[in-house]
Amino acid sequence: FCAMIGIFASNYIGDGAGVLSVITLVTAVVVSVVLELLTKKFKLTWLEPFIMPIGMVVAMIAAIVAYNVLPPEIALLEWRG
């Protein structure tokens, strides 16, 4: 999870951070936090190893949905790069 945050925060040549990057990052964080709270509240220890992979897959799905739903001028907007 920290590597994913590092990828979005770092500056690569030709890489532009944009709306899809933020949507992906925020989705991954929200899903991970919610799953973490659920595992602690309901003592679901079997779910703990799957929190990060589930968060990443849901975030990738959210990026695909956002790309197809948002208008191209918003979805492909980049403010760095």
N, C-alpha and C. Protein backbone atom coordinates (compact mmCIF):
# COMPACT_ATOMS: atom_id res chain seq x y z
N PHE A 1 0.82 -1.18 0.00
CA PHE A 1 0.00 0.00 0.00
C PHE A 1 0.87 1.25 0.00
N CYS A 2 1.92 1.24 0.78
CA CYS A 2 2.85 2.37 0.80
C CYS A 2 3.52 2.56 -0.56
N ALA A 3 3.78 1.46 -1.26
CA ALA A 3 4.37 1.56 -2.59
C ALA A 3 3.40 2.23 -3.56
N MET A 4 2.11 1.94 -3.43
CA MET A 4 1.13 2.58 -4.30
C MET A 4 1.09 4.08 -4.05
N ILE A 5 1.13 4.49 -2.81
CA ILE A 5 1.15 5.91 -2.48
C ILE A 5 2.42 6.55 -3.02
N GLY A 6 3.54 5.86 -2.91
CA GLY A 6 4.80 6.39 -3.43
C GLY A 6 4.78 6.58 -4.93
N ILE A 7 4.14 5.66 -5.64
CA ILE A 7 4.04 5.77 -7.09
C ILE A 7 3.23 6.99 -7.48
N PHE A 8 2.14 7.23 -6.79
CA PHE A 8 1.30 8.39 -7.12
C PHE A 8 1.97 9.69 -6.72
N ALA A 9 2.76 9.68 -5.66
CA ALA A 9 3.37 10.92 -5.18
C ALA A 9 4.66 11.25 -5.89
N SER A 10 5.32 10.26 -6.48
CA SER A 10 6.62 10.52 -7.10
C SER A 10 6.46 11.17 -8.46
N ASN A 11 7.54 11.71 -8.97
CA ASN A 11 7.51 12.44 -10.23
C ASN A 11 8.32 11.67 -11.27
N TYR A 12 7.63 11.09 -12.23
CA TYR A 12 8.28 10.39 -13.33
C TYR A 12 8.21 11.26 -14.57
N ILE A 13 9.21 11.18 -15.43
CA ILE A 13 9.22 11.95 -16.66
C ILE A 13 8.11 11.45 -17.56
N GLY A 14 7.27 12.36 -18.02
CA GLY A 14 6.18 12.00 -18.90
C GLY A 14 4.95 11.45 -18.18
N ASP A 15 5.04 11.29 -16.88
CA ASP A 15 3.91 10.78 -16.12
C ASP A 15 3.15 11.97 -15.55
N GLY A 16 1.87 12.01 -15.81
CA GLY A 16 1.08 13.11 -15.29
C GLY A 16 0.09 12.64 -14.26
N ALA A 17 0.12 13.24 -13.10
CA ALA A 17 -0.88 12.93 -12.10
C ALA A 17 -2.16 13.63 -12.51
N GLY A 18 -3.24 12.94 -12.42
CA GLY A 18 -4.49 13.52 -12.86
C GLY A 18 -5.66 13.00 -12.07
N VAL A 19 -6.83 13.21 -12.62
CA VAL A 19 -8.07 12.84 -11.97
C VAL A 19 -8.14 11.34 -11.71
N LEU A 20 -7.76 10.54 -12.68
CA LEU A 20 -7.82 9.08 -12.50
C LEU A 20 -6.85 8.62 -11.41
N SER A 21 -5.70 9.24 -11.31
CA SER A 21 -4.75 8.88 -10.25
C SER A 21 -5.33 9.16 -8.88
N VAL A 22 -5.96 10.31 -8.73
CA VAL A 22 -6.55 10.67 -7.44
C VAL A 22 -7.73 9.76 -7.10
N ILE A 23 -8.56 9.48 -8.09
CA ILE A 23 -9.70 8.57 -7.85
C ILE A 23 -9.20 7.20 -7.42
N THR A 24 -8.18 6.70 -8.07
CA THR A 24 -7.63 5.39 -7.73
C THR A 24 -7.04 5.39 -6.32
N LEU A 25 -6.28 6.40 -6.00
CA LEU A 25 -5.65 6.48 -4.68
C LEU A 25 -6.68 6.60 -3.57
N VAL A 26 -7.63 7.49 -3.74
CA VAL A 26 -8.65 7.70 -2.71
C VAL A 26 -9.50 6.44 -2.52
N THR A 27 -9.85 5.79 -3.61
CA THR A 27 -10.64 4.56 -3.51
C THR A 27 -9.88 3.48 -2.75
N ALA A 28 -8.60 3.32 -3.06
CA ALA A 28 -7.79 2.31 -2.37
C ALA A 28 -7.70 2.60 -0.87
N VAL A 29 -7.53 3.85 -0.52
CA VAL A 29 -7.42 4.22 0.90
C VAL A 29 -8.75 3.97 1.62
N VAL A 30 -9.85 4.41 1.01
CA VAL A 30 -11.15 4.25 1.66
C VAL A 30 -11.50 2.78 1.83
N VAL A 31 -11.31 1.98 0.80
CA VAL A 31 -11.64 0.55 0.90
C VAL A 31 -10.75 -0.13 1.95
N SER A 32 -9.48 0.21 1.97
CA SER A 32 -8.57 -0.40 2.95
C SER A 32 -8.94 -0.03 4.38
N VAL A 33 -9.27 1.22 4.60
CA VAL A 33 -9.65 1.66 5.95
C VAL A 33 -10.95 1.00 6.39
N VAL A 34 -11.93 0.93 5.49
CA VAL A 34 -13.21 0.30 5.84
C VAL A 34 -13.02 -1.18 6.15
N LEU A 35 -12.25 -1.87 5.33
CA LEU A 35 -12.00 -3.29 5.60
C LEU A 35 -11.22 -3.49 6.89
N GLU A 36 -10.29 -2.61 7.18
CA GLU A 36 -9.53 -2.70 8.43
C GLU A 36 -10.45 -2.52 9.63
N LEU A 37 -11.34 -1.55 9.55
CA LEU A 37 -12.29 -1.33 10.65
C LEU A 37 -13.23 -2.52 10.82
N LEU A 38 -13.68 -3.11 9.71
CA LEU A 38 -14.55 -4.28 9.79
C LEU A 38 -13.84 -5.48 10.41
N THR A 39 -12.57 -5.66 10.07
CA THR A 39 -11.85 -6.80 10.64
C THR A 39 -11.65 -6.64 12.13
N LYS A 40 -11.44 -5.41 12.57
CA LYS A 40 -11.25 -5.19 14.01
C LYS A 40 -12.58 -5.28 14.76
N LYS A 41 -13.64 -4.71 14.19
CA LYS A 41 -14.93 -4.69 14.88
C LYS A 41 -15.55 -6.08 15.00
N PHE A 42 -15.49 -6.85 13.92
CA PHE A 42 -16.12 -8.17 13.91
C PHE A 42 -15.12 -9.32 14.11
N LYS A 43 -13.87 -8.97 14.42
CA LYS A 43 -12.81 -9.96 14.67
C LYS A 43 -12.68 -10.97 13.52
N LEU A 44 -12.60 -10.43 12.31
CA LEU A 44 -12.46 -11.26 11.11
C LEU A 44 -10.97 -11.40 10.77
N THR A 45 -10.28 -12.21 11.51
CA THR A 45 -8.83 -12.34 11.32
C THR A 45 -8.48 -12.95 9.97
N TRP A 46 -9.36 -13.76 9.40
CA TRP A 46 -9.09 -14.38 8.10
C TRP A 46 -9.06 -13.34 6.98
N LEU A 47 -9.68 -12.17 7.19
CA LEU A 47 -9.75 -11.15 6.15
C LEU A 47 -8.49 -10.27 6.11
N GLU A 48 -7.74 -10.23 7.19
CA GLU A 48 -6.59 -9.33 7.28
C GLU A 48 -5.57 -9.47 6.14
N PRO A 49 -5.20 -10.67 5.72
CA PRO A 49 -4.22 -10.76 4.62
C PRO A 49 -4.75 -10.30 3.27
N PHE A 50 -6.06 -10.15 3.16
CA PHE A 50 -6.67 -9.80 1.88
C PHE A 50 -7.05 -8.32 1.77
N ILE A 51 -6.82 -7.53 2.80
CA ILE A 51 -7.23 -6.13 2.80
C ILE A 51 -6.54 -5.36 1.68
N MET A 52 -5.23 -5.44 1.59
CA MET A 52 -4.51 -4.70 0.56
C MET A 52 -4.86 -5.16 -0.85
N PRO A 53 -4.86 -6.46 -1.14
CA PRO A 53 -5.24 -6.87 -2.49
C PRO A 53 -6.66 -6.47 -2.88
N ILE A 54 -7.59 -6.58 -1.95
CA ILE A 54 -8.97 -6.17 -2.25
C ILE A 54 -9.02 -4.68 -2.53
N GLY A 55 -8.33 -3.89 -1.72
CA GLY A 55 -8.29 -2.45 -1.93
C GLY A 55 -7.71 -2.08 -3.28
N MET A 56 -6.66 -2.76 -3.69
CA MET A 56 -6.03 -2.47 -4.98
C MET A 56 -6.93 -2.86 -6.15
N VAL A 57 -7.57 -4.02 -6.06
CA VAL A 57 -8.45 -4.46 -7.14
C VAL A 57 -9.66 -3.54 -7.26
N VAL A 58 -10.26 -3.18 -6.13
CA VAL A 58 -11.41 -2.27 -6.16
C VAL A 58 -10.99 -0.91 -6.71
N ALA A 59 -9.80 -0.44 -6.36
CA ALA A 59 -9.32 0.84 -6.88
C ALA A 59 -9.09 0.79 -8.38
N MET A 60 -8.56 -0.32 -8.88
CA MET A 60 -8.38 -0.46 -10.33
C MET A 60 -9.73 -0.50 -11.05
N ILE A 61 -10.69 -1.18 -10.46
CA ILE A 61 -12.03 -1.22 -11.05
C ILE A 61 -12.65 0.18 -11.05
N ALA A 62 -12.43 0.93 -9.96
CA ALA A 62 -12.95 2.30 -9.89
C ALA A 62 -12.32 3.18 -10.96
N ALA A 63 -11.03 2.99 -11.23
CA ALA A 63 -10.36 3.77 -12.28
C ALA A 63 -10.94 3.45 -13.65
N ILE A 64 -11.21 2.18 -13.91
CA ILE A 64 -11.79 1.78 -15.20
C ILE A 64 -13.20 2.36 -15.35
N VAL A 65 -13.99 2.27 -14.30
CA VAL A 65 -15.35 2.82 -14.35
C VAL A 65 -15.30 4.34 -14.53
N ALA A 66 -14.43 5.01 -13.79
CA ALA A 66 -14.32 6.47 -13.91
C ALA A 66 -13.88 6.88 -15.31
N TYR A 67 -12.96 6.13 -15.89
CA TYR A 67 -12.50 6.43 -17.25
C TYR A 67 -13.63 6.32 -18.26
N ASN A 68 -14.49 5.34 -18.08
CA ASN A 68 -15.59 5.13 -19.01
C ASN A 68 -16.81 6.01 -18.74
N VAL A 69 -16.95 6.51 -17.52
CA VAL A 69 -18.12 7.31 -17.16
C VAL A 69 -17.86 8.81 -17.31
N LEU A 70 -16.69 9.26 -16.86
CA LEU A 70 -16.38 10.68 -16.91
C LEU A 70 -16.14 11.14 -18.34
N PRO A 71 -16.45 12.39 -18.64
CA PRO A 71 -16.11 12.92 -19.97
C PRO A 71 -14.59 12.91 -20.17
N PRO A 72 -14.12 12.71 -21.40
CA PRO A 72 -12.67 12.61 -21.64
C PRO A 72 -11.87 13.82 -21.18
N GLU A 73 -12.45 15.02 -21.28
CA GLU A 73 -11.69 16.20 -20.84
C GLU A 73 -11.49 16.25 -19.34
N ILE A 74 -12.31 15.55 -18.59
CA ILE A 74 -12.12 15.46 -17.13
C ILE A 74 -11.31 14.23 -16.78
N ALA A 75 -11.64 13.08 -17.34
CA ALA A 75 -10.96 11.83 -17.01
C ALA A 75 -9.47 11.87 -17.35
N LEU A 76 -9.13 12.53 -18.43
CA LEU A 76 -7.73 12.56 -18.87
C LEU A 76 -7.01 13.84 -18.46
N LEU A 77 -7.63 14.65 -17.61
CA LEU A 77 -7.02 15.89 -17.13
C LEU A 77 -5.80 15.57 -16.29
N GLU A 78 -4.68 16.20 -16.62
CA GLU A 78 -3.43 16.03 -15.86
C GLU A 78 -2.92 17.41 -15.48
N TRP A 79 -2.44 17.55 -14.27
CA TRP A 79 -1.91 18.83 -13.84
C TRP A 79 -0.41 18.78 -13.58
N ARG A 80 0.20 17.68 -13.97
CA ARG A 80 1.64 17.53 -13.82
C ARG A 80 2.12 16.64 -14.95
N GLY A 81 3.25 16.94 -15.50
CA GLY A 81 3.79 16.02 -16.49
C GLY A 81 4.15 16.65 -17.79
